[in-house]
């Protein structure tokens, strides 16, 4: 992530170009996911490019503060981030319901263990 976010500008020309291409591909694929989700009524996103940049920005900072020995497990962090992202994208319908149900079941199982 450090290279992706900050150090890519310091790469030699060939690697810098490869990094730019990889970044564009990643962003474009994420935009396509949002466009498909809007089409299917799963997301309420007015600008898929902006939504993709939002998600990339949100996720890219995790490596700076997350520690496996910290108060959250990777699974807990993933569950909470997924819920926040789905809410931010105004996720509706079966996908959102299915994810909420999975989280609720996992939470109940942890409580009974």
N, C-alpha and C. Protein backbone atom coordinates (compact mmCIF):
# COMPACT_ATOMS: atom_id res chain seq x y z
N UNK A 1 0.82 -1.20 0.00
CA UNK A 1 0.00 0.00 0.00
C UNK A 1 0.86 1.25 0.00
N UNK A 2 2.00 1.20 0.67
CA UNK A 2 2.87 2.37 0.67
C UNK A 2 3.28 2.73 -0.75
N UNK A 3 3.68 1.72 -1.52
CA UNK A 3 4.05 1.97 -2.92
C UNK A 3 2.84 2.47 -3.68
N UNK A 4 1.70 1.82 -3.50
CA UNK A 4 0.47 2.20 -4.21
C UNK A 4 0.10 3.65 -3.92
N UNK A 5 0.23 4.07 -2.69
CA UNK A 5 -0.22 5.40 -2.30
C UNK A 5 0.83 6.49 -2.43
N UNK A 6 2.08 6.17 -2.11
CA UNK A 6 3.06 7.24 -1.97
C UNK A 6 4.31 7.06 -2.83
N UNK A 7 4.85 5.88 -2.85
CA UNK A 7 6.17 5.69 -3.46
C UNK A 7 6.14 5.40 -4.95
N UNK A 8 4.98 5.21 -5.54
CA UNK A 8 4.91 4.89 -6.96
C UNK A 8 5.56 5.97 -7.81
N UNK A 9 5.55 7.21 -7.34
CA UNK A 9 6.14 8.31 -8.10
C UNK A 9 7.66 8.20 -8.17
N UNK A 10 8.25 7.47 -7.25
CA UNK A 10 9.71 7.32 -7.20
C UNK A 10 10.21 6.14 -8.02
N UNK A 11 9.31 5.35 -8.55
CA UNK A 11 9.71 4.18 -9.34
C UNK A 11 10.34 4.61 -10.66
N UNK A 12 11.17 3.74 -11.22
CA UNK A 12 11.72 4.05 -12.55
C UNK A 12 10.57 4.04 -13.55
N UNK A 13 10.77 4.67 -14.68
CA UNK A 13 9.70 4.95 -15.65
C UNK A 13 8.86 3.73 -15.99
N UNK A 14 9.48 2.60 -16.29
CA UNK A 14 8.73 1.40 -16.68
C UNK A 14 7.82 0.92 -15.55
N UNK A 15 8.35 0.86 -14.34
CA UNK A 15 7.56 0.41 -13.20
C UNK A 15 6.49 1.44 -12.83
N UNK A 16 6.80 2.70 -13.00
CA UNK A 16 5.82 3.75 -12.72
C UNK A 16 4.62 3.59 -13.65
N UNK A 17 4.88 3.32 -14.91
CA UNK A 17 3.80 3.14 -15.87
C UNK A 17 2.99 1.90 -15.53
N UNK A 18 3.66 0.81 -15.16
CA UNK A 18 2.95 -0.41 -14.76
C UNK A 18 2.07 -0.14 -13.55
N UNK A 19 2.57 0.65 -12.62
CA UNK A 19 1.81 0.99 -11.43
C UNK A 19 0.58 1.82 -11.79
N UNK A 20 0.75 2.77 -12.69
CA UNK A 20 -0.39 3.60 -13.13
C UNK A 20 -1.46 2.74 -13.79
N UNK A 21 -1.02 1.82 -14.65
CA UNK A 21 -1.96 0.94 -15.34
C UNK A 21 -2.71 0.07 -14.33
N UNK A 22 -1.98 -0.50 -13.37
CA UNK A 22 -2.61 -1.34 -12.34
C UNK A 22 -3.62 -0.54 -11.53
N UNK A 23 -3.29 0.68 -11.20
CA UNK A 23 -4.20 1.54 -10.44
C UNK A 23 -5.48 1.81 -11.23
N UNK A 24 -5.30 2.11 -12.53
CA UNK A 24 -6.48 2.38 -13.38
C UNK A 24 -7.36 1.14 -13.52
N UNK A 25 -6.74 -0.02 -13.69
CA UNK A 25 -7.49 -1.27 -13.82
C UNK A 25 -8.28 -1.52 -12.53
N UNK A 26 -7.63 -1.38 -11.40
CA UNK A 26 -8.27 -1.60 -10.09
C UNK A 26 -9.47 -0.66 -9.93
N UNK A 27 -9.26 0.61 -10.21
CA UNK A 27 -10.32 1.60 -10.06
C UNK A 27 -11.46 1.33 -11.04
N UNK A 28 -11.12 1.00 -12.27
CA UNK A 28 -12.14 0.73 -13.29
C UNK A 28 -12.98 -0.48 -12.91
N UNK A 29 -12.35 -1.52 -12.44
CA UNK A 29 -13.10 -2.72 -12.04
C UNK A 29 -14.04 -2.43 -10.88
N UNK A 30 -13.57 -1.64 -9.94
CA UNK A 30 -14.43 -1.26 -8.82
C UNK A 30 -15.61 -0.41 -9.31
N UNK A 31 -15.35 0.51 -10.22
CA UNK A 31 -16.43 1.30 -10.80
C UNK A 31 -17.44 0.40 -11.50
N UNK A 32 -16.97 -0.61 -12.21
CA UNK A 32 -17.87 -1.54 -12.89
C UNK A 32 -18.75 -2.30 -11.90
N UNK A 33 -18.19 -2.65 -10.75
CA UNK A 33 -18.97 -3.31 -9.71
C UNK A 33 -20.09 -2.38 -9.25
N UNK A 34 -19.76 -1.11 -9.03
CA UNK A 34 -20.78 -0.16 -8.58
C UNK A 34 -21.83 0.09 -9.67
N UNK A 35 -21.39 0.22 -10.91
CA UNK A 35 -22.34 0.41 -12.00
C UNK A 35 -23.31 -0.77 -12.10
N UNK A 36 -22.78 -1.98 -12.01
CA UNK A 36 -23.63 -3.18 -12.06
C UNK A 36 -24.57 -3.21 -10.86
N UNK A 37 -24.06 -2.84 -9.69
CA UNK A 37 -24.90 -2.81 -8.49
C UNK A 37 -26.01 -1.79 -8.58
N UNK A 38 -25.74 -0.65 -9.18
CA UNK A 38 -26.77 0.37 -9.38
C UNK A 38 -27.82 -0.16 -10.35
N UNK A 39 -27.35 -0.77 -11.43
CA UNK A 39 -28.25 -1.33 -12.43
C UNK A 39 -29.18 -2.38 -11.82
N UNK A 40 -28.67 -3.15 -10.88
CA UNK A 40 -29.46 -4.21 -10.25
C UNK A 40 -30.24 -3.72 -9.04
N UNK A 41 -30.10 -2.45 -8.70
CA UNK A 41 -30.81 -1.90 -7.57
C UNK A 41 -30.19 -2.23 -6.23
N UNK A 42 -28.92 -2.61 -6.23
CA UNK A 42 -28.23 -2.97 -4.99
C UNK A 42 -27.61 -1.75 -4.32
N UNK A 43 -27.06 -0.85 -5.14
CA UNK A 43 -26.40 0.36 -4.61
C UNK A 43 -27.12 1.60 -5.11
N UNK A 44 -27.02 2.65 -4.32
CA UNK A 44 -27.48 3.97 -4.73
C UNK A 44 -26.24 4.85 -4.82
N UNK A 45 -25.65 4.89 -6.02
CA UNK A 45 -24.40 5.61 -6.24
C UNK A 45 -24.60 6.52 -7.45
N UNK A 46 -24.38 7.81 -7.26
CA UNK A 46 -24.56 8.75 -8.36
C UNK A 46 -23.34 8.81 -9.27
N UNK A 47 -22.16 8.60 -8.71
CA UNK A 47 -20.91 8.72 -9.48
C UNK A 47 -20.01 7.54 -9.11
N UNK A 48 -19.96 6.54 -9.99
CA UNK A 48 -19.21 5.33 -9.67
C UNK A 48 -17.71 5.59 -9.52
N UNK A 49 -17.18 6.57 -10.26
CA UNK A 49 -15.76 6.90 -10.13
C UNK A 49 -15.49 7.45 -8.72
N UNK A 50 -16.32 8.35 -8.28
CA UNK A 50 -16.16 8.92 -6.94
C UNK A 50 -16.35 7.86 -5.86
N UNK A 51 -17.32 6.98 -6.06
CA UNK A 51 -17.54 5.90 -5.10
C UNK A 51 -16.33 4.99 -5.02
N UNK A 52 -15.74 4.68 -6.18
CA UNK A 52 -14.54 3.84 -6.20
C UNK A 52 -13.39 4.52 -5.47
N UNK A 53 -13.21 5.81 -5.71
CA UNK A 53 -12.13 6.53 -5.02
C UNK A 53 -12.37 6.56 -3.51
N UNK A 54 -13.63 6.71 -3.12
CA UNK A 54 -13.99 6.70 -1.70
C UNK A 54 -13.58 5.38 -1.05
N UNK A 55 -13.95 4.27 -1.68
CA UNK A 55 -13.65 2.95 -1.12
C UNK A 55 -12.14 2.71 -1.10
N UNK A 56 -11.46 3.06 -2.17
CA UNK A 56 -10.00 2.90 -2.21
C UNK A 56 -9.35 3.70 -1.09
N UNK A 57 -9.81 4.92 -0.89
CA UNK A 57 -9.26 5.77 0.16
C UNK A 57 -9.53 5.18 1.55
N UNK A 58 -10.75 4.71 1.77
CA UNK A 58 -11.10 4.12 3.06
C UNK A 58 -10.24 2.91 3.37
N UNK A 59 -10.11 2.03 2.40
CA UNK A 59 -9.39 0.78 2.63
C UNK A 59 -7.87 0.95 2.65
N UNK A 60 -7.37 1.94 1.95
CA UNK A 60 -5.92 2.06 1.81
C UNK A 60 -5.21 2.50 3.09
N UNK A 61 -5.91 3.07 4.03
CA UNK A 61 -5.27 3.51 5.25
C UNK A 61 -5.16 2.45 6.34
N UNK A 62 -5.84 1.34 6.16
CA UNK A 62 -5.89 0.31 7.20
C UNK A 62 -4.51 -0.20 7.57
N UNK A 63 -3.65 -0.38 6.56
CA UNK A 63 -2.32 -0.94 6.83
C UNK A 63 -1.51 -0.07 7.79
N UNK A 64 -1.85 1.21 7.89
CA UNK A 64 -1.09 2.11 8.75
C UNK A 64 -1.41 1.95 10.23
N UNK A 65 -2.58 1.45 10.54
CA UNK A 65 -2.94 1.39 11.96
C UNK A 65 -3.35 -0.01 12.44
N UNK A 66 -3.74 -0.89 11.54
CA UNK A 66 -4.23 -2.19 11.97
C UNK A 66 -3.08 -3.10 12.39
N UNK A 67 -3.25 -3.74 13.56
CA UNK A 67 -2.30 -4.73 14.05
C UNK A 67 -3.08 -5.98 14.44
N UNK A 68 -2.61 -7.11 13.99
CA UNK A 68 -3.30 -8.37 14.24
C UNK A 68 -3.44 -8.64 15.74
N UNK A 69 -2.52 -8.08 16.54
CA UNK A 69 -2.59 -8.26 17.99
C UNK A 69 -3.50 -7.23 18.65
N UNK A 70 -4.09 -6.34 17.86
CA UNK A 70 -4.92 -5.26 18.41
C UNK A 70 -6.27 -5.74 18.90
N UNK A 71 -7.12 -4.80 19.25
CA UNK A 71 -8.43 -5.14 19.84
C UNK A 71 -9.39 -5.80 18.85
N UNK A 72 -9.19 -5.61 17.54
CA UNK A 72 -10.06 -6.23 16.54
C UNK A 72 -9.32 -7.31 15.78
N UNK A 73 -9.99 -8.41 15.54
CA UNK A 73 -9.41 -9.42 14.65
C UNK A 73 -9.60 -8.94 13.22
N UNK A 74 -8.90 -9.55 12.30
CA UNK A 74 -9.05 -9.20 10.89
C UNK A 74 -10.48 -9.47 10.44
N UNK A 75 -11.07 -10.55 10.93
CA UNK A 75 -12.46 -10.88 10.60
C UNK A 75 -13.42 -9.80 11.11
N UNK A 76 -13.23 -9.36 12.35
CA UNK A 76 -14.10 -8.32 12.91
C UNK A 76 -13.96 -7.01 12.15
N UNK A 77 -12.73 -6.65 11.82
CA UNK A 77 -12.49 -5.44 11.05
C UNK A 77 -13.18 -5.55 9.69
N UNK A 78 -13.03 -6.68 9.03
CA UNK A 78 -13.64 -6.89 7.72
C UNK A 78 -15.16 -6.78 7.80
N UNK A 79 -15.74 -7.38 8.81
CA UNK A 79 -17.20 -7.33 8.97
C UNK A 79 -17.67 -5.89 9.18
N UNK A 80 -16.99 -5.17 10.06
CA UNK A 80 -17.42 -3.80 10.35
C UNK A 80 -17.21 -2.88 9.15
N UNK A 81 -16.07 -3.01 8.48
CA UNK A 81 -15.82 -2.19 7.30
C UNK A 81 -16.84 -2.48 6.21
N UNK A 82 -17.16 -3.75 6.02
CA UNK A 82 -18.14 -4.11 5.00
C UNK A 82 -19.48 -3.47 5.30
N UNK A 83 -19.90 -3.50 6.55
CA UNK A 83 -21.17 -2.87 6.92
C UNK A 83 -21.12 -1.36 6.69
N UNK A 84 -20.03 -0.72 7.08
CA UNK A 84 -19.91 0.73 6.87
C UNK A 84 -19.96 1.06 5.38
N UNK A 85 -19.26 0.27 4.57
CA UNK A 85 -19.23 0.52 3.14
C UNK A 85 -20.60 0.31 2.52
N UNK A 86 -21.27 -0.79 2.91
CA UNK A 86 -22.61 -1.03 2.37
C UNK A 86 -23.56 0.10 2.76
N UNK A 87 -23.46 0.58 3.96
CA UNK A 87 -24.30 1.71 4.39
C UNK A 87 -23.97 2.97 3.60
N UNK A 88 -22.68 3.23 3.40
CA UNK A 88 -22.28 4.43 2.68
C UNK A 88 -22.77 4.40 1.23
N UNK A 89 -22.84 3.22 0.67
CA UNK A 89 -23.30 3.08 -0.72
C UNK A 89 -24.81 2.88 -0.78
N UNK A 90 -25.44 3.04 0.37
CA UNK A 90 -26.88 2.85 0.48
C UNK A 90 -27.31 1.53 -0.12
N UNK A 91 -26.57 0.50 0.26
CA UNK A 91 -26.85 -0.83 -0.25
C UNK A 91 -28.21 -1.28 0.24
N UNK A 92 -28.96 -1.82 -0.68
CA UNK A 92 -30.31 -2.29 -0.37
C UNK A 92 -30.50 -3.67 -0.97
N UNK A 93 -31.56 -4.28 -0.59
CA UNK A 93 -31.94 -5.52 -1.23
C UNK A 93 -31.27 -6.74 -0.64
N UNK A 94 -31.29 -7.79 -1.43
CA UNK A 94 -30.87 -9.11 -0.98
C UNK A 94 -29.41 -9.16 -0.53
N UNK A 95 -28.52 -8.51 -1.27
CA UNK A 95 -27.10 -8.54 -0.91
C UNK A 95 -26.88 -7.96 0.48
N UNK A 96 -27.44 -6.80 0.73
CA UNK A 96 -27.29 -6.18 2.04
C UNK A 96 -27.92 -7.02 3.14
N UNK A 97 -29.12 -7.53 2.86
CA UNK A 97 -29.81 -8.38 3.84
C UNK A 97 -29.00 -9.64 4.14
N UNK A 98 -28.48 -10.26 3.08
CA UNK A 98 -27.70 -11.48 3.26
C UNK A 98 -26.47 -11.21 4.11
N UNK A 99 -25.78 -10.10 3.85
CA UNK A 99 -24.59 -9.79 4.63
C UNK A 99 -24.95 -9.49 6.08
N UNK A 100 -26.00 -8.73 6.30
CA UNK A 100 -26.42 -8.43 7.67
C UNK A 100 -26.74 -9.72 8.42
N UNK A 101 -27.42 -10.64 7.76
CA UNK A 101 -27.75 -11.92 8.39
C UNK A 101 -26.50 -12.72 8.73
N UNK A 102 -25.51 -12.72 7.85
CA UNK A 102 -24.25 -13.42 8.13
C UNK A 102 -23.56 -12.83 9.36
N UNK A 103 -23.52 -11.51 9.42
CA UNK A 103 -22.88 -10.85 10.57
C UNK A 103 -23.63 -11.15 11.84
N UNK A 104 -24.96 -11.10 11.80
CA UNK A 104 -25.75 -11.39 12.99
C UNK A 104 -25.53 -12.83 13.46
N UNK A 105 -25.50 -13.77 12.54
CA UNK A 105 -25.26 -15.17 12.91
C UNK A 105 -23.88 -15.35 13.52
N UNK A 106 -22.88 -14.73 12.91
CA UNK A 106 -21.51 -14.85 13.43
C UNK A 106 -21.42 -14.24 14.82
N UNK A 107 -22.10 -13.14 15.04
CA UNK A 107 -22.09 -12.48 16.34
C UNK A 107 -22.76 -13.37 17.39
N UNK A 108 -23.87 -13.98 17.03
CA UNK A 108 -24.56 -14.89 17.96
C UNK A 108 -23.69 -16.09 18.28
N UNK A 109 -23.02 -16.65 17.27
CA UNK A 109 -22.15 -17.81 17.48
C UNK A 109 -20.99 -17.46 18.40
N UNK A 110 -20.43 -16.28 18.27
CA UNK A 110 -19.34 -15.84 19.14
C UNK A 110 -19.84 -15.72 20.57
N UNK A 111 -21.05 -15.19 20.71
CA UNK A 111 -21.62 -15.00 22.03
C UNK A 111 -21.92 -16.30 22.75
N UNK A 112 -22.24 -17.33 21.99
CA UNK A 112 -22.58 -18.61 22.62
C UNK A 112 -21.38 -19.53 22.77
N UNK A 113 -20.26 -19.14 22.20
CA UNK A 113 -19.04 -19.98 22.29
C UNK A 113 -18.32 -19.82 23.60
